[in-house]
Amino acid sequence: MRIRLGIRQLTILLGLAIILLLLTVTSKSGTVIVTPPWNHCLGLNKVTQFHLDIFSGYREKFDDPQGLFCTKLHCEDDPQTPKDDDELTVFGLNSGRHTLIYNKSLTSIGIVGGLGRGLLEFKRPQAVTGNSDGDVFVADTGNDRLVHLRYEDDELLPIDEFTGPDDKPFNRPSGIALGGDLLYVADTRNDRIALVTMDGTITAEYRPEYRGARLYRPYRVAVVTSNDEWFYYRDYFIAVVDSMGGRLWKITPDGTVRNLIRYRAIGDTGGFNHVAIDYYGNVYVTDTHNGTIHKFNRHFQYIMAIGEKGTGEGQFDEPRGISIYRRFGQIFVSERAGAQYHWIGTDLLRLSAERLMFDTEKKTCRIDLSFLLAEHSFVTLYLENEDGERIVDIVSDYMLPSGFFKRRIEIACNKVQLLAKCKVRLVAIAKPTYSSKAYLSVTRRTHFIDPCPTPLTSSLAK
C-alpha cells in the first residue's frame, strides 16, 4: 500500500512548509536540540494532525502516541552515495488506535494494526524497536506479547509472536529495546527485565536490587551493548524506568546496578516516561506531565531539562516516545497530537570567570572558570578586551564531554603588563561534534573582570 499526494495536497503542504521555513529562520539557536535546516527536512520538523490527515487520506487520528524507533534500513540505502545516509525510516505507535505508523518516503506512509490479536493487530501497544535489517518488534502490551514484523518492499509483514514460557508468560510488557541480537523487555507486571533472543527464547531475567530498592513495575527500557555500531564509549548499560515513572536505573548488561535516580531529586510533580540513549551515552527521558525532556550524562548526572510545556517553538505538548539515530544525532519525539524531529546540538550555560590574576615574573595568567556543557562539544576559550579584541587564547577546539566543569587554568601570557591595565572578559564558544556541527555554534561571554596585576601568591599556586 502506497499513499500518494495529489496536486492540491502538495500545494497545501508547500504553503505550510513556507510558513515553517519562516519559523525556522527566526527560531532560537544555541539549544541542546535544534531545528534542522530547510534543505534537510523542507521545514517539516513538526508533524501535526494536519500532516497526518494528508498522508493518511484522513483515515488516521493521533490517539495516545507512544513508543518510537528510527533506523537507516539497508534495503533503503544506496551504497553508491552517502547522500542518503541520514534518510531514516521512523516507526511510531499510535496506541489509542492500536496501530503502527511508519514513513515509506517524504510523501508516503504506511499504517498497520487495529484492535485484535492477529500478527498485524495490536491492543494498546507501548513500545517498538528493531534493526537496520528490517526486523521490527512491538511490545503489544494489552495482548501480553511481543510481535515480530519485517519491513520488505515498503510493507510490514508478520513473522511471529512471543508470549513467553508457559510457566511465566509475559504480563503487560511495556518497554522493549534491541541490543545486538538480544531484546531487552520491560515485563511490567512480572517485575523483571527479560533478555529475549530474536526467536523468542528468554535467556535471562533481571530483578535488580539497589540499596534497599527493588525493581518494581518496569515499563520503559533503552540499551547500548558491545554489538551496537554507533557508540563512543565502552560503557555499555541498560536504562530502565520503573515505579510509575518514579525511578531511572542504570544496569550493566550482566544485571549489575550502577546507579538509581529518583524523579523527586529533579522535580516535584511529573515522572519519567520513554527513554533513549545517544552516541555519547547521554540519556534522554521524556516527562509527559511537565512537557519536557530530561537529559543525563552516561554517569547519570543530571544535565538539564530540554524544552517546556506548550505547542510553540521549543516546546513539547505532552512528549511521550523518543528515539535517537546515534550515527548523526537525529532525535524524534512523539507528542499528544503529533511528533517533532530535531538534531542534537549543544549549549554552554552558567558561564562564570573569577579571580583573574597575573604573574608578571613568570608571564602567566590564571583564572577560575566554570560552566555547564549540555553535550560533547569542541570548546574554545579566550579573553577579549573592552573593544572586543581577542587577546589571550586559553584553549581552541578542545573536545569536552557533557557535564559541569569547574577549573583553575594557568597559561603562558606575553601580554601581562598590557592586560593588567585593562578590563577583560572570558568568551566561550561551543560547537557540536556531529549532527549540527556545520550548522550551529554557541557563544557565551562573562561580565568584564578587573584583573589583579600583583604576582600570584604561593597559596593560590597550590
Protein backbone atom coordinates (compact mmCIF):
# COMPACT_ATOMS: atom_id res chain seq x y z
CA MET A 1 0.00 0.00 0.00
CA ARG A 2 1.43 3.40 -1.00
CA ILE A 3 -0.34 6.69 -0.40
CA ARG A 4 0.44 9.40 -2.94
CA LEU A 5 -0.28 13.11 -2.72
CA GLY A 6 -2.37 14.93 -5.30
CA ILE A 7 -1.60 18.40 -6.69
CA ARG A 8 -3.99 20.12 -4.26
CA GLN A 9 -2.48 18.32 -1.28
CA LEU A 10 1.05 19.15 -2.39
CA THR A 11 0.08 22.80 -2.81
CA ILE A 12 -1.29 22.93 0.73
CA LEU A 13 1.79 21.17 2.02
CA LEU A 14 4.10 23.58 0.20
CA GLY A 15 2.27 26.57 1.65
CA LEU A 16 2.59 25.18 5.14
CA ALA A 17 6.25 24.40 4.54
CA ILE A 18 6.92 28.04 3.60
CA ILE A 19 5.37 29.17 6.88
CA LEU A 20 7.50 26.66 8.75
CA LEU A 21 10.57 27.94 6.92
CA LEU A 22 9.94 31.40 8.34
CA LEU A 23 9.61 29.91 11.80
CA THR A 24 12.85 28.01 11.28
CA VAL A 25 14.75 31.11 10.17
CA THR A 26 13.60 33.11 13.20
CA SER A 27 13.86 30.33 15.77
CA LYS A 28 16.40 30.40 18.58
CA SER A 29 19.84 28.93 18.14
CA GLY A 30 22.16 27.67 20.84
CA THR A 31 19.85 24.97 22.13
CA VAL A 32 20.51 21.38 23.06
CA ILE A 33 18.26 20.19 20.26
CA VAL A 34 17.93 22.30 17.12
CA THR A 35 15.61 22.57 14.14
CA PRO A 36 17.27 21.03 11.06
CA PRO A 37 17.91 23.38 8.11
CA TRP A 38 15.28 23.85 5.44
CA ASN A 39 17.06 21.84 2.74
CA HIS A 40 17.16 18.81 5.01
CA CYS A 41 13.51 18.45 6.03
CA LEU A 42 11.65 21.04 3.91
CA GLY A 43 10.61 22.75 7.12
CA LEU A 44 8.58 19.72 8.21
CA ASN A 45 10.26 19.12 11.55
CA LYS A 46 6.96 19.22 13.40
CA VAL A 47 4.20 16.82 12.35
CA THR A 48 0.63 17.64 13.38
CA GLN A 49 -2.80 16.18 12.76
CA PHE A 50 -2.91 18.31 9.60
CA HIS A 51 0.00 16.36 8.12
CA LEU A 52 -1.38 13.01 9.23
CA ASP A 53 -4.71 13.81 7.59
CA ILE A 54 -2.95 14.44 4.27
CA PHE A 55 -0.61 11.47 4.43
CA SER A 56 -3.26 9.01 5.65
CA GLY A 57 -6.10 10.21 3.48
CA TYR A 58 -7.96 11.39 6.61
CA ARG A 59 -8.26 7.86 7.97
CA GLU A 60 -5.93 8.09 11.00
CA LYS A 61 -6.05 10.35 14.06
CA PHE A 62 -3.42 10.80 16.70
CA ASP A 63 -4.66 8.98 19.79
CA ASP A 64 -2.18 8.41 22.62
CA PRO A 65 1.06 8.17 20.59
CA GLN A 66 3.71 6.15 22.42
CA GLY A 67 6.99 4.45 21.50
CA LEU A 68 9.20 5.39 18.54
CA PHE A 69 12.03 3.66 16.71
CA CYS A 70 14.18 5.07 13.89
CA THR A 71 16.83 3.46 11.70
CA LYS A 72 18.56 3.59 8.35
CA LEU A 73 17.27 0.47 6.63
CA HIS A 74 19.79 -1.42 4.49
CA CYS A 75 17.12 -2.02 1.87
CA GLU A 76 16.60 1.74 1.53
CA ASP A 77 20.30 2.56 1.26
CA ASP A 78 22.14 3.31 -1.97
CA PRO A 79 25.73 2.16 -1.29
CA GLN A 80 26.97 4.24 -4.22
CA THR A 81 26.27 7.55 -2.46
CA PRO A 82 26.49 8.82 1.13
CA LYS A 83 23.87 11.48 0.43
CA ASP A 84 21.01 9.29 1.65
CA ASP A 85 22.72 8.04 4.83
CA ASP A 86 20.65 10.35 7.04
CA GLU A 87 17.32 9.48 5.40
CA LEU A 88 15.64 7.37 8.06
CA THR A 89 12.58 5.23 8.45
CA VAL A 90 10.65 6.00 11.64
CA PHE A 91 8.15 3.64 13.25
CA GLY A 92 5.69 5.10 15.76
CA LEU A 93 2.92 3.55 17.82
CA ASN A 94 -0.50 5.21 17.89
CA SER A 95 -1.56 3.30 20.95
CA GLY A 96 -5.13 4.56 21.25
CA ARG A 97 -5.83 3.38 17.70
CA HIS A 98 -3.81 0.16 18.22
CA THR A 99 -1.76 0.97 15.11
CA LEU A 100 1.85 1.29 13.97
CA ILE A 101 2.65 4.18 11.59
CA TYR A 102 5.83 4.38 9.51
CA ASN A 103 7.13 6.53 6.69
CA LYS A 104 7.83 5.00 3.30
CA SER A 105 9.19 8.27 1.92
CA LEU A 106 8.74 12.01 2.45
CA THR A 107 5.33 11.80 0.81
CA SER A 108 4.05 8.36 1.77
CA ILE A 109 3.30 6.48 4.98
CA GLY A 110 2.18 3.00 5.93
CA ILE A 111 -0.24 2.05 8.69
CA VAL A 112 -0.74 -1.43 10.11
CA GLY A 113 -2.75 -2.65 13.05
CA GLY A 114 -6.16 -2.21 14.55
CA LEU A 115 -7.64 -3.75 17.66
CA GLY A 116 -7.20 -7.51 17.73
CA ARG A 117 -4.77 -10.34 18.32
CA GLY A 118 -3.64 -11.20 14.81
CA LEU A 119 0.01 -10.67 13.90
CA LEU A 120 -0.92 -7.38 12.25
CA GLU A 121 -3.25 -6.32 15.06
CA PHE A 122 -2.49 -4.88 18.48
CA LYS A 123 -4.03 -3.87 21.77
CA ARG A 124 -2.61 -0.72 23.36
CA PRO A 125 0.99 -1.30 22.19
CA GLN A 126 3.52 0.78 24.10
CA ALA A 127 6.99 0.34 22.64
CA VAL A 128 8.73 -0.57 19.38
CA THR A 129 12.30 -1.39 18.40
CA GLY A 130 14.18 -3.03 15.55
CA ASN A 131 17.32 -3.06 13.44
CA SER A 132 18.63 -1.89 10.07
CA ASP A 133 17.93 -5.30 8.53
CA GLY A 134 14.20 -4.57 8.69
CA ASP A 135 13.25 -6.55 11.81
CA VAL A 136 10.66 -4.68 13.88
CA PHE A 137 9.48 -5.76 17.33
CA VAL A 138 6.43 -4.39 19.11
CA ALA A 139 5.64 -4.62 22.82
CA ASP A 140 1.95 -5.42 22.37
CA THR A 141 1.09 -4.58 25.95
CA GLY A 142 -2.62 -5.29 26.02
CA ASN A 143 -2.13 -8.69 24.40
CA ASP A 144 0.71 -9.71 26.77
CA ARG A 145 3.13 -10.49 23.96
CA LEU A 146 5.89 -9.33 21.63
CA VAL A 147 5.19 -9.19 17.90
CA HIS A 148 7.91 -9.68 15.28
CA LEU A 149 7.39 -7.93 11.92
CA ARG A 150 9.70 -7.42 8.95
CA TYR A 151 9.98 -4.49 6.58
CA GLU A 152 10.12 -5.59 2.93
CA ASP A 153 9.29 -3.61 -0.20
CA ASP A 154 7.72 -0.74 1.78
CA GLU A 155 5.43 -3.11 3.70
CA LEU A 156 5.46 -4.60 7.20
CA LEU A 157 4.99 -8.36 7.06
CA PRO A 158 4.00 -10.57 10.02
CA ILE A 159 6.66 -13.02 11.23
CA ASP A 160 5.86 -14.34 14.71
CA GLU A 161 4.60 -13.58 18.22
CA PHE A 162 6.30 -14.32 21.55
CA THR A 163 4.25 -14.80 24.69
CA GLY A 164 6.99 -16.16 26.92
CA PRO A 165 7.26 -19.60 28.57
CA ASP A 166 4.12 -21.34 29.80
CA ASP A 167 5.18 -21.16 33.45
CA LYS A 168 5.91 -17.43 33.33
CA PRO A 169 4.35 -15.71 30.29
CA PHE A 170 4.76 -12.02 29.58
CA ASN A 171 2.44 -9.84 31.63
CA ARG A 172 1.87 -6.34 30.22
CA PRO A 173 5.28 -5.87 28.54
CA SER A 174 5.56 -2.10 28.11
CA GLY A 175 9.14 -1.48 27.05
CA ILE A 176 11.42 -3.11 24.50
CA ALA A 177 14.89 -2.37 23.14
CA LEU A 178 17.16 -4.32 20.79
CA GLY A 179 20.85 -4.52 21.61
CA GLY A 180 22.85 -6.69 19.23
CA ASP A 181 20.82 -9.88 18.83
CA LEU A 182 19.01 -9.64 22.17
CA LEU A 183 15.73 -7.99 23.04
CA TYR A 184 15.58 -6.29 26.45
CA VAL A 185 11.95 -6.37 27.58
CA ALA A 186 10.40 -4.44 30.46
CA ASP A 187 7.98 -7.17 31.53
CA THR A 188 5.97 -4.84 33.70
CA ARG A 189 3.74 -6.96 35.90
CA ASN A 190 6.37 -9.66 36.28
CA ASP A 191 8.72 -7.05 37.78
CA ARG A 192 11.60 -8.12 35.58
CA ILE A 193 13.78 -7.24 32.61
CA ALA A 194 13.71 -10.25 30.31
CA LEU A 195 16.51 -10.89 27.83
CA VAL A 196 14.96 -12.50 24.77
CA THR A 197 16.54 -13.85 21.61
CA MET A 198 15.12 -12.84 18.26
CA ASP A 199 13.33 -16.18 18.03
CA GLY A 200 11.54 -15.58 21.34
CA THR A 201 13.66 -17.57 23.82
CA ILE A 202 14.24 -15.97 27.23
CA THR A 203 17.93 -16.40 28.08
CA ALA A 204 17.99 -14.44 31.34
CA GLU A 205 15.89 -12.20 33.53
CA TYR A 206 16.96 -9.40 35.86
CA ARG A 207 15.25 -8.37 39.10
CA PRO A 208 17.86 -5.95 40.43
CA GLU A 209 18.08 -4.51 43.93
CA TYR A 210 20.00 -1.42 44.96
CA ARG A 211 20.38 -0.02 48.48
CA GLY A 212 17.10 -1.47 49.61
CA ALA A 213 15.20 -0.66 46.39
CA ARG A 214 13.85 -3.41 44.15
CA LEU A 215 12.81 -3.21 40.53
CA TYR A 216 9.06 -2.59 40.53
CA ARG A 217 6.78 -2.43 37.50
CA PRO A 218 9.46 -1.59 34.89
CA TYR A 219 7.85 -0.14 31.81
CA ARG A 220 10.45 1.63 29.67
CA VAL A 221 13.88 0.46 28.59
CA ALA A 222 16.80 1.51 26.37
CA VAL A 223 20.13 -0.23 25.90
CA VAL A 224 23.63 0.11 24.44
CA THR A 225 25.76 -3.02 24.03
CA SER A 226 29.13 -4.00 22.59
CA ASN A 227 27.36 -5.09 19.42
CA ASP A 228 25.98 -1.61 18.69
CA GLU A 229 27.76 0.06 15.79
CA TRP A 230 27.44 3.71 16.76
CA PHE A 231 28.57 4.24 20.35
CA TYR A 232 31.58 6.25 21.55
CA TYR A 233 32.39 4.68 24.93
CA ARG A 234 32.77 1.12 26.14
CA ASP A 235 30.38 1.90 28.96
CA TYR A 236 27.51 -0.39 27.98
CA PHE A 237 24.33 -0.31 30.03
CA ILE A 238 20.57 -0.70 30.23
CA ALA A 239 18.44 2.32 31.20
CA VAL A 240 15.18 1.31 32.86
CA VAL A 241 12.24 3.40 34.06
CA ASP A 242 10.09 1.79 36.75
CA SER A 243 7.78 2.53 39.69
CA MET A 244 5.20 4.51 37.69
CA GLY A 245 7.92 6.76 36.30
CA GLY A 246 9.41 7.48 39.69
CA ARG A 247 12.85 5.99 39.09
CA LEU A 248 15.56 5.60 36.46
CA TRP A 249 18.03 2.71 36.74
CA LYS A 250 21.46 2.20 35.18
CA ILE A 251 22.13 -1.53 34.90
CA THR A 252 25.07 -3.25 33.24
CA PRO A 253 24.43 -5.89 30.55
CA ASP A 254 25.12 -8.60 33.16
CA GLY A 255 22.48 -7.21 35.53
CA THR A 256 24.63 -5.21 37.98
CA VAL A 257 23.12 -1.92 39.16
CA ARG A 258 25.38 1.11 38.70
CA ASN A 259 23.03 3.91 39.65
CA LEU A 260 19.46 4.72 40.59
CA ILE A 261 17.90 8.16 40.11
CA ARG A 262 14.61 9.10 41.75
CA TYR A 263 12.40 11.60 39.99
CA ARG A 264 11.87 13.57 43.17
CA ALA A 265 15.55 14.52 43.03
CA ILE A 266 14.85 16.72 39.99
CA GLY A 267 11.15 17.65 40.26
CA ASP A 268 8.11 17.77 42.49
CA THR A 269 5.40 16.65 40.08
CA GLY A 270 5.70 14.56 36.94
CA GLY A 271 7.61 11.40 36.13
CA PHE A 272 9.94 9.64 33.74
CA ASN A 273 8.46 8.09 30.60
CA HIS A 274 10.16 6.80 27.43
CA VAL A 275 13.95 6.75 27.34
CA ALA A 276 16.67 6.90 24.67
CA ILE A 277 20.49 6.91 24.63
CA ASP A 278 22.67 8.92 22.25
CA TYR A 279 26.10 8.31 20.70
CA TYR A 280 27.96 9.52 23.79
CA GLY A 281 25.81 7.62 26.27
CA ASN A 282 23.74 10.62 27.31
CA VAL A 283 20.27 9.54 28.45
CA TYR A 284 17.12 11.39 27.38
CA VAL A 285 13.87 10.75 29.24
CA THR A 286 10.52 12.32 28.34
CA ASP A 287 8.38 13.90 31.05
CA THR A 288 4.82 13.95 29.74
CA HIS A 289 3.34 15.90 32.64
CA ASN A 290 5.81 18.79 32.50
CA GLY A 291 6.23 18.89 28.72
CA THR A 292 9.99 18.46 28.82
CA ILE A 293 12.86 16.05 28.19
CA HIS A 294 15.32 15.35 31.00
CA LYS A 295 18.92 14.81 29.98
CA PHE A 296 21.54 12.89 31.98
CA ASN A 297 25.12 12.09 31.03
CA ARG A 298 26.34 8.49 30.93
CA HIS A 299 27.20 8.64 34.64
CA PHE A 300 23.53 9.55 35.26
CA GLN A 301 24.46 13.03 36.43
CA TYR A 302 21.63 15.43 35.65
CA ILE A 303 22.42 17.90 32.88
CA MET A 304 19.23 19.85 32.22
CA ALA A 305 15.60 19.87 31.17
CA ILE A 306 15.05 20.47 27.46
CA GLY A 307 12.02 22.41 26.28
CA GLU A 308 8.90 23.39 28.15
CA LYS A 309 5.19 22.66 28.12
CA GLY A 310 3.30 24.09 25.15
CA THR A 311 2.83 23.89 21.41
CA GLY A 312 5.13 26.70 20.25
CA GLU A 313 8.73 26.74 19.05
CA GLY A 314 11.00 24.99 21.55
CA GLN A 315 8.03 23.49 23.39
CA PHE A 316 6.59 20.00 23.77
CA ASP A 317 2.94 19.03 24.09
CA GLU A 318 2.98 16.02 26.40
CA PRO A 319 6.09 14.32 24.97
CA ARG A 320 5.93 10.52 25.03
CA GLY A 321 8.08 8.30 22.80
CA ILE A 322 11.66 9.21 21.94
CA SER A 323 14.21 7.69 19.57
CA ILE A 324 17.74 8.76 18.57
CA TYR A 325 19.71 7.75 15.49
CA ARG A 326 23.16 7.71 17.08
CA ARG A 327 25.24 8.00 13.93
CA PHE A 328 24.15 11.55 13.13
CA GLY A 329 22.37 12.65 16.30
CA GLN A 330 18.86 12.78 14.86
CA ILE A 331 16.16 12.77 17.50
CA PHE A 332 12.42 12.07 17.20
CA VAL A 333 9.79 12.75 19.87
CA SER A 334 6.11 11.81 19.80
CA GLU A 335 3.60 14.16 21.44
CA ARG A 336 -0.05 14.21 22.44
CA ALA A 337 -1.15 15.00 18.89
CA GLY A 338 1.94 14.81 16.71
CA ALA A 339 5.70 14.39 16.63
CA GLN A 340 8.85 16.50 16.36
CA TYR A 341 12.17 15.98 14.60
CA HIS A 342 15.40 17.67 15.71
CA TRP A 343 19.16 17.40 15.65
CA ILE A 344 21.23 17.13 18.78
CA GLY A 345 23.00 20.44 19.24
CA THR A 346 24.77 21.88 22.27
CA ASP A 347 24.70 24.70 24.76
CA LEU A 348 27.10 26.26 27.24
CA LEU A 349 25.34 27.60 30.32
CA ARG A 350 26.12 29.21 33.68
CA LEU A 351 29.45 30.53 32.43
CA SER A 352 31.48 32.15 35.19
CA ALA A 353 35.03 33.54 35.36
CA GLU A 354 36.63 34.81 38.57
CA ARG A 355 39.96 35.58 40.21
CA LEU A 356 41.84 36.58 37.08
CA MET A 357 45.41 37.11 38.23
CA PHE A 358 48.75 37.72 36.55
CA ASP A 359 52.25 36.69 37.44
CA THR A 360 54.44 39.39 35.97
CA GLU A 361 57.62 37.45 36.69
CA LYS A 362 56.58 34.16 35.09
CA LYS A 363 54.48 35.91 32.45
CA THR A 364 51.45 33.75 33.13
CA CYS A 365 47.81 34.42 33.88
CA ARG A 366 45.41 32.32 35.90
CA ILE A 367 41.64 32.25 36.00
CA ASP A 368 38.92 30.28 37.80
CA LEU A 369 36.16 29.31 35.39
CA SER A 370 33.04 27.17 35.45
CA PHE A 371 30.24 26.27 33.06
CA LEU A 372 27.67 23.62 32.24
CA LEU A 373 28.16 21.90 28.88
CA ALA A 374 24.99 20.28 27.59
CA GLU A 375 26.58 17.95 25.02
CA HIS A 376 30.01 16.74 23.94
CA SER A 377 31.44 19.75 22.15
CA PHE A 378 34.53 21.38 20.73
CA VAL A 379 35.14 24.23 23.15
CA THR A 380 37.16 27.40 22.55
CA LEU A 381 38.00 29.77 25.42
CA TYR A 382 39.72 33.13 25.17
CA LEU A 383 39.95 36.55 26.78
CA GLU A 384 38.84 39.68 24.97
CA ASN A 385 39.20 43.35 25.89
CA GLU A 386 36.59 46.09 26.07
CA ASP A 387 36.93 46.67 22.32
CA GLY A 388 36.04 43.04 21.58
CA GLU A 389 39.58 42.15 20.51
CA ARG A 390 40.72 38.58 21.12
CA ILE A 391 43.89 38.97 23.11
CA VAL A 392 44.64 35.74 25.01
CA ASP A 393 43.82 32.20 23.84
CA ILE A 394 43.15 29.64 26.55
CA VAL A 395 42.02 26.56 24.56
CA SER A 396 40.94 26.14 20.96
CA ASP A 397 38.51 23.45 19.69
CA TYR A 398 39.17 21.25 22.70
CA MET A 399 36.64 18.41 22.94
CA LEU A 400 34.89 18.13 26.29
CA PRO A 401 32.11 15.77 27.43
CA SER A 402 28.78 16.95 28.75
CA GLY A 403 28.64 17.94 32.39
CA PHE A 404 29.53 20.71 34.84
CA PHE A 405 33.11 21.97 34.73
CA LYS A 406 34.94 23.97 37.35
CA ARG A 407 38.64 24.51 36.73
CA ARG A 408 41.53 26.77 37.58
CA ILE A 409 43.56 27.30 34.43
CA GLU A 410 47.05 28.82 34.13
CA ILE A 411 48.53 29.72 30.74
CA ALA A 412 51.56 31.50 29.38
CA CYS A 413 50.90 35.14 28.55
CA ASN A 414 53.32 37.59 26.95
CA LYS A 415 50.88 40.48 27.41
CA VAL A 416 50.84 40.55 31.18
CA GLN A 417 51.73 44.23 31.50
CA LEU A 418 49.10 45.24 28.94
CA LEU A 419 46.34 43.09 30.41
CA ALA A 420 46.98 44.33 33.91
CA LYS A 421 45.85 47.76 32.81
CA CYS A 422 42.53 46.88 31.16
CA LYS A 423 39.30 45.04 31.76
CA VAL A 424 38.85 41.71 30.08
CA ARG A 425 36.15 39.07 29.90
CA LEU A 426 36.02 35.40 29.13
CA VAL A 427 34.47 34.25 25.85
CA ALA A 428 33.40 30.62 25.41
CA ILE A 429 32.38 29.00 22.11
CA ALA A 430 30.89 25.50 21.89
CA LYS A 431 30.40 23.56 18.65
CA PRO A 432 28.68 20.16 18.35
CA THR A 433 30.94 17.27 17.42
CA TYR A 434 28.44 15.78 14.95
CA SER A 435 24.95 16.25 13.52
CA SER A 436 24.63 20.03 13.62
CA LYS A 437 28.35 20.88 13.76
CA ALA A 438 28.27 22.80 10.47
CA TYR A 439 25.00 24.44 11.40
CA LEU A 440 25.41 25.61 14.98
CA SER A 441 27.89 27.23 17.31
CA VAL A 442 27.11 28.79 20.67
CA THR A 443 28.97 31.82 22.03
CA ARG A 444 28.76 32.96 25.64
CA ARG A 445 30.50 35.86 27.41
CA THR A 446 31.05 36.71 31.06
CA HIS A 447 30.95 40.15 32.62
CA PHE A 448 34.14 42.20 32.48
CA ILE A 449 36.71 41.27 35.11
CA ASP A 450 39.03 43.65 36.90
CA PRO A 451 42.36 41.80 36.86
CA CYS A 452 44.79 41.81 39.73
CA PRO A 453 48.26 42.83 38.46
CA THR A 454 50.14 41.64 41.56
CA PRO A 455 52.16 38.42 41.41
CA LEU A 456 50.29 35.25 42.32
CA THR A 457 50.67 34.23 45.92
CA SER A 458 52.07 30.87 46.87
CA SER A 459 48.72 29.79 48.32
CA LEU A 460 46.92 30.47 45.01
CA ALA A 461 49.52 28.49 43.12
CA LYS A 462 48.70 25.31 45.02
